[in-house]
Amino acid sequence: MIRWLWPAIAVLMLPACAHLPVGTDGLSYEERRSAIERVAAWEIRGRLAVDTGDRGFQGSFNWRQDDDVLDLAVRGPLGAGVLQVTGTATALTYTARGETRTLTDPETELSALLGWWLPVGSLHSWLLGLPDQTFRADTEVGLDGTLAAFEQRLWRIAYPTYQLAPLPGTANGLLVPRRIDLAHGELKLRLTIDDWRTAVVTPAP
């Protein structure tokens, strides 16, 4: 079971527009942050690579966020090994290999299972290219006005490349991360975002 948790942690630690163009959205970092925070529902599709120091994993993922509710699917090479994670940062359900488990304290429980610190509640912000505003962060802003990297909650998150994603109400779209490198001790995660789009919020029942 632990083997199937690696991809969930890698992104817990987000169809299709091929590779989004590189360019500029004409916004400062603060303007871009405000625009991103106004997007309540979004979906990303991409690839991940995990290096724990003594083992590795590669696969693909699809992350959908509706306000504070996430729906994540992770697949191994050639689509094998589907893992599903749904819920909020305070109550997550994951399903892998026919087994379902509910976590009421995801950060504590997943960290205990894996033996390393997992900031579940901050990951949706990090995927969007933003620090979690709930916690202190040491940020590095690039010359082009994009966030280059920051350190937060014992992790270092870097954004080597960005891409323009379509956003209703904007002329040029919005710059979002194309690649995200996350590091915590010997653990290293690399996310490559192939598709980013706003989504329709699912109405509450």
N, C-alpha and C. Protein backbone atom coordinates (compact mmCIF):
# COMPACT_ATOMS: atom_id res chain seq x y z
N MET A 1 0.83 -1.21 0.00
CA MET A 1 0.00 0.00 0.00
C MET A 1 0.86 1.26 0.00
N ILE A 2 1.98 1.19 0.74
CA ILE A 2 2.85 2.35 0.81
C ILE A 2 3.36 2.73 -0.57
N ARG A 3 3.64 1.71 -1.41
CA ARG A 3 4.14 2.01 -2.75
C ARG A 3 3.16 2.88 -3.52
N TRP A 4 1.87 2.66 -3.31
CA TRP A 4 0.86 3.44 -4.04
C TRP A 4 0.62 4.80 -3.42
N LEU A 5 1.16 5.03 -2.21
CA LEU A 5 1.03 6.36 -1.63
C LEU A 5 2.02 7.36 -2.22
N TRP A 6 3.13 6.87 -2.75
CA TRP A 6 4.14 7.81 -3.25
C TRP A 6 3.58 8.79 -4.26
N PRO A 7 2.87 8.36 -5.30
CA PRO A 7 2.36 9.35 -6.24
C PRO A 7 1.35 10.29 -5.63
N ALA A 8 0.57 9.83 -4.66
CA ALA A 8 -0.39 10.74 -4.02
C ALA A 8 0.36 11.82 -3.27
N ILE A 9 1.41 11.44 -2.56
CA ILE A 9 2.17 12.41 -1.81
C ILE A 9 2.91 13.36 -2.75
N ALA A 10 3.32 12.84 -3.87
CA ALA A 10 4.07 13.66 -4.80
C ALA A 10 3.28 14.86 -5.28
N VAL A 11 2.01 14.74 -5.38
CA VAL A 11 1.23 15.85 -5.89
C VAL A 11 0.33 16.45 -4.85
N LEU A 12 0.11 15.73 -3.80
CA LEU A 12 -0.65 16.31 -2.70
C LEU A 12 0.23 17.22 -1.93
N MET A 13 0.88 16.17 -2.17
CA MET A 13 1.25 17.05 -2.43
C MET A 13 0.40 16.65 -2.89
N LEU A 14 -3.00 19.14 -9.45
CA LEU A 14 -3.29 19.25 -10.04
C LEU A 14 -3.31 18.93 -11.26
N PRO A 15 -9.27 18.84 -20.71
CA PRO A 15 -8.40 17.94 -21.45
C PRO A 15 -8.04 18.63 -22.71
N ALA A 16 -7.28 18.76 -23.27
CA ALA A 16 -5.92 19.18 -23.15
C ALA A 16 -5.59 20.19 -24.21
N CYS A 17 -4.70 21.07 -23.85
CA CYS A 17 -4.34 22.11 -24.82
C CYS A 17 -2.87 21.99 -25.16
N ALA A 18 -2.37 20.81 -25.36
CA ALA A 18 -0.98 20.56 -25.70
C ALA A 18 -0.10 21.43 -24.82
N HIS A 19 0.95 22.02 -25.40
CA HIS A 19 1.82 22.88 -24.62
C HIS A 19 1.35 24.31 -24.75
N LEU A 20 1.09 24.94 -23.61
CA LEU A 20 0.65 26.33 -23.63
C LEU A 20 1.80 27.23 -24.04
N PRO A 21 1.51 28.37 -24.67
CA PRO A 21 2.58 29.24 -25.17
C PRO A 21 3.31 29.96 -24.05
N VAL A 22 4.56 30.27 -24.29
CA VAL A 22 5.35 31.07 -23.37
C VAL A 22 5.24 32.53 -23.79
N GLY A 23 5.09 33.40 -22.84
CA GLY A 23 4.97 34.82 -23.14
C GLY A 23 4.81 35.59 -21.86
N THR A 24 4.10 36.70 -21.93
CA THR A 24 3.86 37.49 -20.73
C THR A 24 2.39 37.85 -20.64
N ASP A 25 1.90 37.97 -19.42
CA ASP A 25 0.52 38.39 -19.23
C ASP A 25 0.43 39.88 -18.90
N GLY A 26 1.57 40.57 -18.85
CA GLY A 26 1.58 42.00 -18.60
C GLY A 26 1.28 42.37 -17.16
N LEU A 27 1.32 41.41 -16.23
CA LEU A 27 0.98 41.67 -14.84
C LEU A 27 2.21 41.63 -13.95
N SER A 28 2.17 42.41 -12.88
CA SER A 28 3.18 42.27 -11.85
C SER A 28 2.88 41.03 -11.02
N TYR A 29 3.81 40.66 -10.15
CA TYR A 29 3.58 39.48 -9.31
C TYR A 29 2.33 39.66 -8.45
N GLU A 30 2.16 40.82 -7.83
CA GLU A 30 1.01 41.05 -6.98
C GLU A 30 -0.29 41.04 -7.78
N GLU A 31 -0.29 41.62 -8.98
CA GLU A 31 -1.48 41.60 -9.83
C GLU A 31 -1.82 40.17 -10.25
N ARG A 32 -0.80 39.41 -10.57
CA ARG A 32 -1.03 38.02 -10.97
C ARG A 32 -1.55 37.20 -9.79
N ARG A 33 -0.99 37.41 -8.62
CA ARG A 33 -1.47 36.70 -7.43
C ARG A 33 -2.95 37.00 -7.18
N SER A 34 -3.34 38.25 -7.29
CA SER A 34 -4.74 38.60 -7.07
C SER A 34 -5.65 37.94 -8.10
N ALA A 35 -5.18 37.89 -9.35
CA ALA A 35 -5.99 37.27 -10.41
C ALA A 35 -6.15 35.78 -10.17
N ILE A 36 -5.08 35.11 -9.77
CA ILE A 36 -5.14 33.67 -9.53
C ILE A 36 -6.05 33.36 -8.34
N GLU A 37 -5.97 34.17 -7.30
CA GLU A 37 -6.78 33.92 -6.11
C GLU A 37 -8.27 34.08 -6.37
N ARG A 38 -8.62 34.78 -7.43
CA ARG A 38 -10.04 34.94 -7.77
C ARG A 38 -10.59 33.75 -8.54
N VAL A 39 -9.72 32.83 -8.95
CA VAL A 39 -10.16 31.64 -9.68
C VAL A 39 -10.54 30.57 -8.66
N ALA A 40 -11.84 30.33 -8.51
CA ALA A 40 -12.31 29.38 -7.48
C ALA A 40 -12.20 27.93 -7.94
N ALA A 41 -12.29 27.69 -9.23
CA ALA A 41 -12.28 26.32 -9.74
C ALA A 41 -11.30 26.22 -10.90
N TRP A 42 -10.43 25.22 -10.85
CA TRP A 42 -9.43 25.05 -11.90
C TRP A 42 -9.05 23.57 -11.99
N GLU A 43 -8.41 23.25 -13.10
CA GLU A 43 -7.99 21.88 -13.35
C GLU A 43 -6.65 21.88 -14.05
N ILE A 44 -5.74 21.01 -13.61
CA ILE A 44 -4.44 20.88 -14.26
C ILE A 44 -4.18 19.41 -14.56
N ARG A 45 -3.46 19.20 -15.65
CA ARG A 45 -3.06 17.85 -16.06
C ARG A 45 -1.58 17.89 -16.37
N GLY A 46 -0.85 16.88 -15.92
CA GLY A 46 0.58 16.90 -16.16
C GLY A 46 1.26 15.60 -15.81
N ARG A 47 2.58 15.68 -15.68
CA ARG A 47 3.42 14.53 -15.40
C ARG A 47 4.24 14.79 -14.13
N LEU A 48 4.62 13.73 -13.45
CA LEU A 48 5.39 13.87 -12.22
C LEU A 48 6.53 12.87 -12.20
N ALA A 49 7.59 13.28 -11.51
CA ALA A 49 8.73 12.41 -11.25
C ALA A 49 9.10 12.58 -9.78
N VAL A 50 9.27 11.47 -9.09
CA VAL A 50 9.57 11.47 -7.66
C VAL A 50 10.90 10.76 -7.43
N ASP A 51 11.76 11.39 -6.65
CA ASP A 51 13.04 10.79 -6.27
C ASP A 51 13.16 10.89 -4.75
N THR A 52 13.11 9.75 -4.07
CA THR A 52 13.18 9.75 -2.60
C THR A 52 14.61 9.56 -2.09
N GLY A 53 15.55 9.40 -3.01
CA GLY A 53 16.92 9.12 -2.61
C GLY A 53 17.28 7.66 -2.80
N ASP A 54 16.30 6.77 -2.55
CA ASP A 54 16.57 5.33 -2.75
C ASP A 54 15.52 4.67 -3.64
N ARG A 55 14.56 5.44 -4.13
CA ARG A 55 13.59 4.90 -5.07
C ARG A 55 13.02 6.05 -5.89
N GLY A 56 12.39 5.70 -7.02
CA GLY A 56 11.83 6.73 -7.88
C GLY A 56 10.49 6.29 -8.44
N PHE A 57 9.77 7.25 -8.96
CA PHE A 57 8.47 6.98 -9.56
C PHE A 57 8.22 8.03 -10.63
N GLN A 58 7.61 7.60 -11.75
CA GLN A 58 7.17 8.52 -12.79
C GLN A 58 5.74 8.19 -13.16
N GLY A 59 4.97 9.20 -13.49
CA GLY A 59 3.59 8.97 -13.86
C GLY A 59 2.93 10.24 -14.35
N SER A 60 1.61 10.21 -14.37
CA SER A 60 0.83 11.37 -14.79
C SER A 60 -0.23 11.64 -13.74
N PHE A 61 -0.75 12.88 -13.75
CA PHE A 61 -1.76 13.22 -12.76
C PHE A 61 -2.75 14.22 -13.34
N ASN A 62 -3.91 14.22 -12.73
CA ASN A 62 -4.95 15.19 -13.05
C ASN A 62 -5.52 15.71 -11.73
N TRP A 63 -5.45 17.01 -11.52
CA TRP A 63 -5.89 17.64 -10.27
C TRP A 63 -6.98 18.64 -10.61
N ARG A 64 -8.14 18.47 -10.00
CA ARG A 64 -9.25 19.40 -10.14
C ARG A 64 -9.57 20.00 -8.78
N GLN A 65 -9.72 21.33 -8.74
CA GLN A 65 -10.00 22.03 -7.50
C GLN A 65 -11.29 22.83 -7.66
N ASP A 66 -12.28 22.56 -6.79
CA ASP A 66 -13.51 23.35 -6.71
C ASP A 66 -13.53 24.00 -5.34
N ASP A 67 -13.15 25.27 -5.29
CA ASP A 67 -13.04 25.98 -4.02
C ASP A 67 -12.05 25.24 -3.14
N ASP A 68 -12.48 24.66 -2.00
CA ASP A 68 -11.53 23.96 -1.12
C ASP A 68 -11.58 22.44 -1.28
N VAL A 69 -12.29 21.95 -2.30
CA VAL A 69 -12.43 20.51 -2.53
C VAL A 69 -11.54 20.09 -3.69
N LEU A 70 -10.73 19.06 -3.50
CA LEU A 70 -9.86 18.58 -4.56
C LEU A 70 -10.29 17.19 -5.02
N ASP A 71 -9.94 16.90 -6.27
CA ASP A 71 -10.17 15.58 -6.85
C ASP A 71 -8.93 15.26 -7.67
N LEU A 72 -8.15 14.31 -7.21
CA LEU A 72 -6.86 14.00 -7.80
C LEU A 72 -6.82 12.55 -8.28
N ALA A 73 -6.33 12.35 -9.49
CA ALA A 73 -6.08 11.01 -10.01
C ALA A 73 -4.62 10.92 -10.44
N VAL A 74 -3.95 9.86 -10.03
CA VAL A 74 -2.54 9.63 -10.37
C VAL A 74 -2.43 8.28 -11.06
N ARG A 75 -1.67 8.24 -12.16
CA ARG A 75 -1.48 6.99 -12.90
C ARG A 75 0.01 6.77 -13.13
N GLY A 76 0.39 5.52 -13.10
CA GLY A 76 1.76 5.16 -13.38
C GLY A 76 2.02 5.11 -14.87
N PRO A 77 3.20 4.65 -15.28
CA PRO A 77 3.52 4.54 -16.70
C PRO A 77 2.48 3.71 -17.46
N LEU A 78 2.14 4.16 -18.64
CA LEU A 78 1.18 3.49 -19.51
C LEU A 78 -0.20 3.39 -18.88
N GLY A 79 -0.51 4.31 -17.95
CA GLY A 79 -1.83 4.37 -17.36
C GLY A 79 -2.09 3.37 -16.26
N ALA A 80 -1.07 2.64 -15.83
CA ALA A 80 -1.27 1.60 -14.82
C ALA A 80 -1.38 2.21 -13.42
N GLY A 81 -2.08 1.50 -12.55
CA GLY A 81 -2.08 1.86 -11.14
C GLY A 81 -2.80 3.14 -10.82
N VAL A 82 -4.09 3.21 -11.04
CA VAL A 82 -4.84 4.43 -10.76
C VAL A 82 -4.98 4.62 -9.26
N LEU A 83 -4.69 5.83 -8.80
CA LEU A 83 -4.88 6.21 -7.42
C LEU A 83 -5.76 7.45 -7.39
N GLN A 84 -6.80 7.46 -6.56
CA GLN A 84 -7.75 8.56 -6.50
C GLN A 84 -7.73 9.17 -5.11
N VAL A 85 -7.66 10.51 -5.06
CA VAL A 85 -7.70 11.23 -3.79
C VAL A 85 -8.74 12.32 -3.90
N THR A 86 -9.66 12.39 -2.95
CA THR A 86 -10.72 13.39 -2.97
C THR A 86 -10.93 13.94 -1.57
N GLY A 87 -11.51 15.15 -1.51
CA GLY A 87 -11.86 15.75 -0.24
C GLY A 87 -11.22 17.10 -0.05
N THR A 88 -11.03 17.49 1.21
CA THR A 88 -10.42 18.76 1.56
C THR A 88 -9.13 18.51 2.32
N ALA A 89 -8.42 19.60 2.62
CA ALA A 89 -7.15 19.46 3.33
C ALA A 89 -7.32 18.98 4.76
N THR A 90 -8.55 18.97 5.26
CA THR A 90 -8.80 18.50 6.62
C THR A 90 -9.47 17.13 6.66
N ALA A 91 -9.91 16.62 5.50
CA ALA A 91 -10.54 15.31 5.44
C ALA A 91 -10.41 14.76 4.04
N LEU A 92 -9.49 13.83 3.86
CA LEU A 92 -9.21 13.26 2.55
C LEU A 92 -9.58 11.78 2.50
N THR A 93 -10.04 11.35 1.34
CA THR A 93 -10.27 9.94 1.08
C THR A 93 -9.42 9.52 -0.10
N TYR A 94 -8.65 8.44 0.05
CA TYR A 94 -7.89 7.96 -1.10
C TYR A 94 -8.22 6.50 -1.34
N THR A 95 -8.18 6.16 -2.61
CA THR A 95 -8.47 4.79 -3.04
C THR A 95 -7.33 4.30 -3.92
N ALA A 96 -6.81 3.14 -3.60
CA ALA A 96 -5.74 2.54 -4.39
C ALA A 96 -5.83 1.03 -4.27
N ARG A 97 -5.75 0.34 -5.41
CA ARG A 97 -5.76 -1.13 -5.45
C ARG A 97 -6.98 -1.69 -4.75
N GLY A 98 -8.12 -1.03 -4.92
CA GLY A 98 -9.37 -1.53 -4.37
C GLY A 98 -9.59 -1.23 -2.91
N GLU A 99 -8.66 -0.53 -2.26
CA GLU A 99 -8.78 -0.22 -0.85
C GLU A 99 -9.01 1.27 -0.67
N THR A 100 -9.97 1.64 0.16
CA THR A 100 -10.29 3.04 0.43
C THR A 100 -10.02 3.34 1.90
N ARG A 101 -9.42 4.50 2.13
CA ARG A 101 -9.10 4.91 3.49
C ARG A 101 -9.42 6.39 3.66
N THR A 102 -9.99 6.76 4.80
CA THR A 102 -10.34 8.14 5.09
C THR A 102 -9.38 8.70 6.14
N LEU A 103 -8.82 9.88 5.86
CA LEU A 103 -7.89 10.55 6.77
C LEU A 103 -8.55 11.82 7.28
N THR A 104 -8.72 11.92 8.57
CA THR A 104 -9.31 13.12 9.16
C THR A 104 -8.27 14.14 9.56
N ASP A 105 -7.01 13.74 9.60
CA ASP A 105 -5.89 14.65 9.86
C ASP A 105 -4.80 14.32 8.85
N PRO A 106 -5.01 14.71 7.58
CA PRO A 106 -4.14 14.24 6.50
C PRO A 106 -2.66 14.56 6.70
N GLU A 107 -2.34 15.78 7.14
CA GLU A 107 -0.92 16.12 7.27
C GLU A 107 -0.23 15.21 8.28
N THR A 108 -0.83 15.00 9.41
CA THR A 108 -0.23 14.17 10.45
C THR A 108 -0.21 12.70 10.04
N GLU A 109 -1.33 12.20 9.52
CA GLU A 109 -1.44 10.78 9.22
C GLU A 109 -0.57 10.37 8.04
N LEU A 110 -0.57 11.16 6.98
CA LEU A 110 0.27 10.82 5.83
C LEU A 110 1.75 10.97 6.15
N SER A 111 2.09 11.99 6.92
CA SER A 111 3.49 12.17 7.30
C SER A 111 3.97 10.98 8.14
N ALA A 112 3.11 10.50 9.03
CA ALA A 112 3.49 9.35 9.86
C ALA A 112 3.64 8.09 9.01
N LEU A 113 2.76 7.90 8.03
CA LEU A 113 2.83 6.73 7.17
C LEU A 113 4.12 6.70 6.35
N LEU A 114 4.52 7.88 5.86
CA LEU A 114 5.64 7.92 4.93
C LEU A 114 6.97 8.25 5.57
N GLY A 115 6.94 8.82 6.77
CA GLY A 115 8.19 9.13 7.44
C GLY A 115 8.81 10.44 7.03
N TRP A 116 8.07 11.30 6.33
CA TRP A 116 8.55 12.64 5.99
C TRP A 116 7.38 13.60 5.94
N TRP A 117 7.69 14.88 6.09
CA TRP A 117 6.70 15.92 6.28
C TRP A 117 5.98 16.26 4.97
N LEU A 118 4.65 16.23 5.02
CA LEU A 118 3.83 16.54 3.86
C LEU A 118 2.85 17.67 4.18
N PRO A 119 3.04 18.87 3.64
CA PRO A 119 2.15 20.00 3.91
C PRO A 119 0.92 19.99 3.01
N VAL A 120 0.00 19.09 3.28
CA VAL A 120 -1.16 18.89 2.43
C VAL A 120 -1.95 20.18 2.22
N GLY A 121 -2.13 20.95 3.29
CA GLY A 121 -2.97 22.13 3.19
C GLY A 121 -2.41 23.24 2.34
N SER A 122 -1.13 23.17 1.99
CA SER A 122 -0.49 24.24 1.21
C SER A 122 -0.33 23.90 -0.26
N LEU A 123 -0.55 22.65 -0.64
CA LEU A 123 -0.18 22.20 -1.98
C LEU A 123 -0.98 22.88 -3.08
N HIS A 124 -2.28 23.16 -2.85
CA HIS A 124 -3.05 23.78 -3.93
C HIS A 124 -2.51 25.17 -4.25
N SER A 125 -2.01 25.91 -3.26
CA SER A 125 -1.39 27.21 -3.52
C SER A 125 -0.08 27.04 -4.28
N TRP A 126 0.73 26.07 -3.87
CA TRP A 126 2.01 25.86 -4.53
C TRP A 126 1.84 25.47 -6.00
N LEU A 127 0.79 24.70 -6.31
CA LEU A 127 0.56 24.31 -7.70
C LEU A 127 0.23 25.52 -8.57
N LEU A 128 -0.34 26.55 -7.98
CA LEU A 128 -0.71 27.75 -8.73
C LEU A 128 0.42 28.76 -8.81
N GLY A 129 1.56 28.45 -8.19
CA GLY A 129 2.68 29.38 -8.22
C GLY A 129 2.64 30.40 -7.12
N LEU A 130 2.02 30.04 -5.98
CA LEU A 130 1.88 30.97 -4.87
C LEU A 130 2.28 30.30 -3.56
N PRO A 131 2.91 31.07 -2.64
CA PRO A 131 3.06 30.54 -1.29
C PRO A 131 1.70 30.49 -0.60
N ASP A 132 1.59 29.63 0.39
CA ASP A 132 0.40 29.59 1.23
C ASP A 132 0.44 30.80 2.16
N GLN A 133 -0.55 31.69 2.04
CA GLN A 133 -0.52 32.93 2.82
C GLN A 133 -0.71 32.70 4.31
N THR A 134 -1.08 31.50 4.71
CA THR A 134 -1.26 31.20 6.13
C THR A 134 0.08 31.11 6.86
N PHE A 135 1.17 30.84 6.12
CA PHE A 135 2.46 30.59 6.72
C PHE A 135 3.52 31.53 6.16
N ARG A 136 4.53 31.76 6.94
CA ARG A 136 5.64 32.60 6.51
C ARG A 136 6.38 31.94 5.35
N ALA A 137 6.84 32.75 4.41
CA ALA A 137 7.60 32.24 3.27
C ALA A 137 8.71 33.21 2.92
N ASP A 138 9.87 32.67 2.57
CA ASP A 138 10.98 33.47 2.04
C ASP A 138 10.94 33.34 0.52
N THR A 139 10.60 34.44 -0.16
CA THR A 139 10.35 34.39 -1.60
C THR A 139 11.48 35.02 -2.40
N GLU A 140 11.61 34.54 -3.65
CA GLU A 140 12.55 35.09 -4.61
C GLU A 140 11.78 35.40 -5.89
N VAL A 141 11.63 36.69 -6.20
CA VAL A 141 10.92 37.11 -7.40
C VAL A 141 11.92 37.36 -8.51
N GLY A 142 11.65 36.81 -9.71
CA GLY A 142 12.54 36.97 -10.84
C GLY A 142 12.46 38.35 -11.47
N LEU A 143 13.40 38.64 -12.36
CA LEU A 143 13.43 39.94 -13.02
C LEU A 143 12.22 40.17 -13.91
N ASP A 144 11.58 39.08 -14.36
CA ASP A 144 10.41 39.23 -15.21
C ASP A 144 9.11 39.35 -14.42
N GLY A 145 9.20 39.43 -13.09
CA GLY A 145 8.01 39.60 -12.27
C GLY A 145 7.33 38.31 -11.86
N THR A 146 7.87 37.18 -12.25
CA THR A 146 7.31 35.90 -11.82
C THR A 146 8.00 35.45 -10.54
N LEU A 147 7.34 34.60 -9.80
CA LEU A 147 7.93 34.06 -8.58
C LEU A 147 8.92 32.97 -8.98
N ALA A 148 10.19 33.16 -8.62
CA ALA A 148 11.22 32.19 -9.01
C ALA A 148 11.27 31.01 -8.05
N ALA A 149 11.16 31.28 -6.75
CA ALA A 149 11.26 30.21 -5.76
C ALA A 149 10.84 30.76 -4.41
N PHE A 150 10.56 29.86 -3.50
CA PHE A 150 10.35 30.25 -2.10
C PHE A 150 10.57 29.05 -1.20
N GLU A 151 10.79 29.33 0.07
CA GLU A 151 10.92 28.30 1.09
C GLU A 151 9.79 28.47 2.08
N GLN A 152 9.09 27.37 2.37
CA GLN A 152 7.95 27.42 3.26
C GLN A 152 7.70 26.04 3.86
N ARG A 153 7.44 25.99 5.13
CA ARG A 153 7.06 24.77 5.82
C ARG A 153 8.07 23.64 5.59
N LEU A 154 9.35 23.99 5.63
CA LEU A 154 10.46 23.04 5.51
C LEU A 154 10.64 22.51 4.09
N TRP A 155 9.98 23.11 3.13
CA TRP A 155 10.12 22.74 1.72
C TRP A 155 10.67 23.92 0.93
N ARG A 156 11.36 23.60 -0.17
CA ARG A 156 11.76 24.62 -1.14
C ARG A 156 11.04 24.33 -2.44
N ILE A 157 10.36 25.34 -2.97
CA ILE A 157 9.58 25.21 -4.19
C ILE A 157 10.15 26.18 -5.22
N ALA A 158 10.50 25.67 -6.39
CA ALA A 158 11.07 26.50 -7.45
C ALA A 158 10.23 26.37 -8.71
N TYR A 159 10.18 27.45 -9.48
CA TYR A 159 9.41 27.50 -10.73
C TYR A 159 10.34 27.88 -11.88
N PRO A 160 11.02 26.89 -12.46
CA PRO A 160 11.98 27.19 -13.54
C PRO A 160 11.33 27.81 -14.77
N THR A 161 10.08 27.38 -15.10
CA THR A 161 9.44 27.88 -16.31
C THR A 161 7.96 28.12 -16.06
N TYR A 162 7.42 29.09 -16.81
CA TYR A 162 5.99 29.42 -16.77
C TYR A 162 5.40 29.28 -18.16
N GLN A 163 4.07 29.36 -18.25
CA GLN A 163 3.36 29.31 -19.52
C GLN A 163 2.09 30.15 -19.40
N LEU A 164 1.59 30.59 -20.54
CA LEU A 164 0.36 31.37 -20.57
C LEU A 164 -0.84 30.43 -20.65
N ALA A 165 -1.77 30.60 -19.72
CA ALA A 165 -3.00 29.82 -19.72
C ALA A 165 -4.18 30.75 -19.98
N PRO A 166 -5.19 30.29 -20.71
CA PRO A 166 -6.36 31.13 -20.97
C PRO A 166 -7.12 31.40 -19.69
N LEU A 167 -7.58 32.64 -19.54
CA LEU A 167 -8.37 33.03 -18.38
C LEU A 167 -9.44 34.01 -18.84
N PRO A 168 -10.71 33.66 -18.70
CA PRO A 168 -11.79 34.57 -19.12
C PRO A 168 -11.65 35.93 -18.46
N GLY A 169 -11.86 36.97 -19.27
CA GLY A 169 -11.79 38.33 -18.75
C GLY A 169 -10.43 38.97 -18.86
N THR A 170 -9.43 38.22 -19.38
CA THR A 170 -8.10 38.78 -19.58
C THR A 170 -7.75 38.77 -21.06
N ALA A 171 -6.95 39.75 -21.47
CA ALA A 171 -6.60 39.87 -22.88
C ALA A 171 -5.54 38.86 -23.30
N ASN A 172 -4.55 38.65 -22.45
CA ASN A 172 -3.41 37.82 -22.81
C ASN A 172 -3.38 36.47 -22.13
N GLY A 173 -4.32 36.21 -21.22
CA GLY A 173 -4.25 35.01 -20.42
C GLY A 173 -3.48 35.28 -19.14
N LEU A 174 -3.07 34.23 -18.47
CA LEU A 174 -2.42 34.36 -17.17
C LEU A 174 -1.21 33.43 -17.12
N LEU A 175 -0.09 33.95 -16.63
CA LEU A 175 1.10 33.12 -16.47
C LEU A 175 0.93 32.19 -15.28
N VAL A 176 1.09 30.90 -15.53
CA VAL A 176 1.02 29.88 -14.49
C VAL A 176 2.25 28.98 -14.64
N PRO A 177 2.60 28.22 -13.60
CA PRO A 177 3.80 27.39 -13.70
C PRO A 177 3.70 26.35 -14.81
N ARG A 178 4.81 26.18 -15.49
CA ARG A 178 4.96 25.08 -16.45
C ARG A 178 5.69 23.91 -15.81
N ARG A 179 6.71 24.24 -14.96
CA ARG A 179 7.42 23.20 -14.22
C ARG A 179 7.56 23.65 -12.78
N ILE A 180 7.40 22.70 -11.87
CA ILE A 180 7.52 22.96 -10.44
C ILE A 180 8.48 21.94 -9.85
N ASP A 181 9.52 22.41 -9.19
CA ASP A 181 10.47 21.54 -8.51
C ASP A 181 10.30 21.73 -7.00
N LEU A 182 10.04 20.64 -6.30
CA LEU A 182 9.84 20.69 -4.86
C LEU A 182 10.88 19.81 -4.18
N ALA A 183 11.44 20.31 -3.08
CA ALA A 183 12.48 19.56 -2.40
C ALA A 183 12.30 19.67 -0.89
N HIS A 184 12.47 18.53 -0.22
CA HIS A 184 12.42 18.45 1.24
C HIS A 184 13.42 17.39 1.66
N GLY A 185 14.59 17.85 2.12
CA GLY A 185 15.66 16.91 2.42
C GLY A 185 16.07 16.17 1.16
N GLU A 186 16.14 14.84 1.24
CA GLU A 186 16.53 14.05 0.07
C GLU A 186 15.38 13.85 -0.92
N LEU A 187 14.18 14.15 -0.49
CA LEU A 187 13.02 13.96 -1.36
C LEU A 187 12.94 15.07 -2.39
N LYS A 188 12.81 14.69 -3.66
CA LYS A 188 12.71 15.66 -4.74
C LYS A 188 11.55 15.28 -5.66
N LEU A 189 10.69 16.25 -5.94
CA LEU A 189 9.55 16.06 -6.82
C LEU A 189 9.65 17.03 -7.98
N ARG A 190 9.33 16.56 -9.16
CA ARG A 190 9.26 17.43 -10.34
C ARG A 190 7.91 17.26 -11.00
N LEU A 191 7.19 18.37 -11.15
CA LEU A 191 5.89 18.38 -11.81
C LEU A 191 5.99 19.17 -13.10
N THR A 192 5.48 18.61 -14.18
CA THR A 192 5.41 19.30 -15.46
C THR A 192 3.94 19.44 -15.83
N ILE A 193 3.48 20.68 -15.97
CA ILE A 193 2.07 20.95 -16.23
C ILE A 193 1.86 21.07 -17.73
N ASP A 194 1.08 20.16 -18.29
CA ASP A 194 0.78 20.18 -19.71
C ASP A 194 -0.50 20.93 -20.04
N ASP A 195 -1.40 21.04 -19.07
CA ASP A 195 -2.69 21.69 -19.32
C ASP A 195 -3.17 22.36 -18.04
N TRP A 196 -3.56 23.61 -18.14
CA TRP A 196 -4.12 24.35 -17.00
C TRP A 196 -5.32 25.11 -17.51
N ARG A 197 -6.45 24.97 -16.82
CA ARG A 197 -7.64 25.68 -17.27
C ARG A 197 -8.57 25.94 -16.10
N THR A 198 -9.37 26.96 -16.24
CA THR A 198 -10.42 27.19 -15.26
C THR A 198 -11.51 26.15 -15.49
N ALA A 199 -12.25 25.84 -14.44
CA ALA A 199 -13.26 24.79 -14.50
C ALA A 199 -14.59 25.35 -14.00
N VAL A 200 -15.66 24.63 -14.33
CA VAL A 200 -16.98 24.99 -13.84
C VAL A 200 -17.14 24.42 -12.44
N VAL A 201 -17.51 25.27 -11.50
CA VAL A 201 -17.68 24.82 -10.12
C VAL A 201 -18.85 23.85 -10.03
N THR A 202 -18.65 22.72 -9.37
CA THR A 202 -19.71 21.75 -9.19
C THR A 202 -20.68 22.25 -8.13
N PRO A 203 -21.98 22.39 -8.45
CA PRO A 203 -22.94 22.90 -7.45
C PRO A 203 -23.02 21.97 -6.25
N ALA A 204 -23.22 22.58 -5.08
CA ALA A 204 -23.38 21.79 -3.88
C ALA A 204 -24.70 21.05 -3.91
N PRO A 205 -24.75 19.80 -3.41
CA PRO A 205 -26.00 19.02 -3.43
C PRO A 205 -27.05 19.63 -2.52
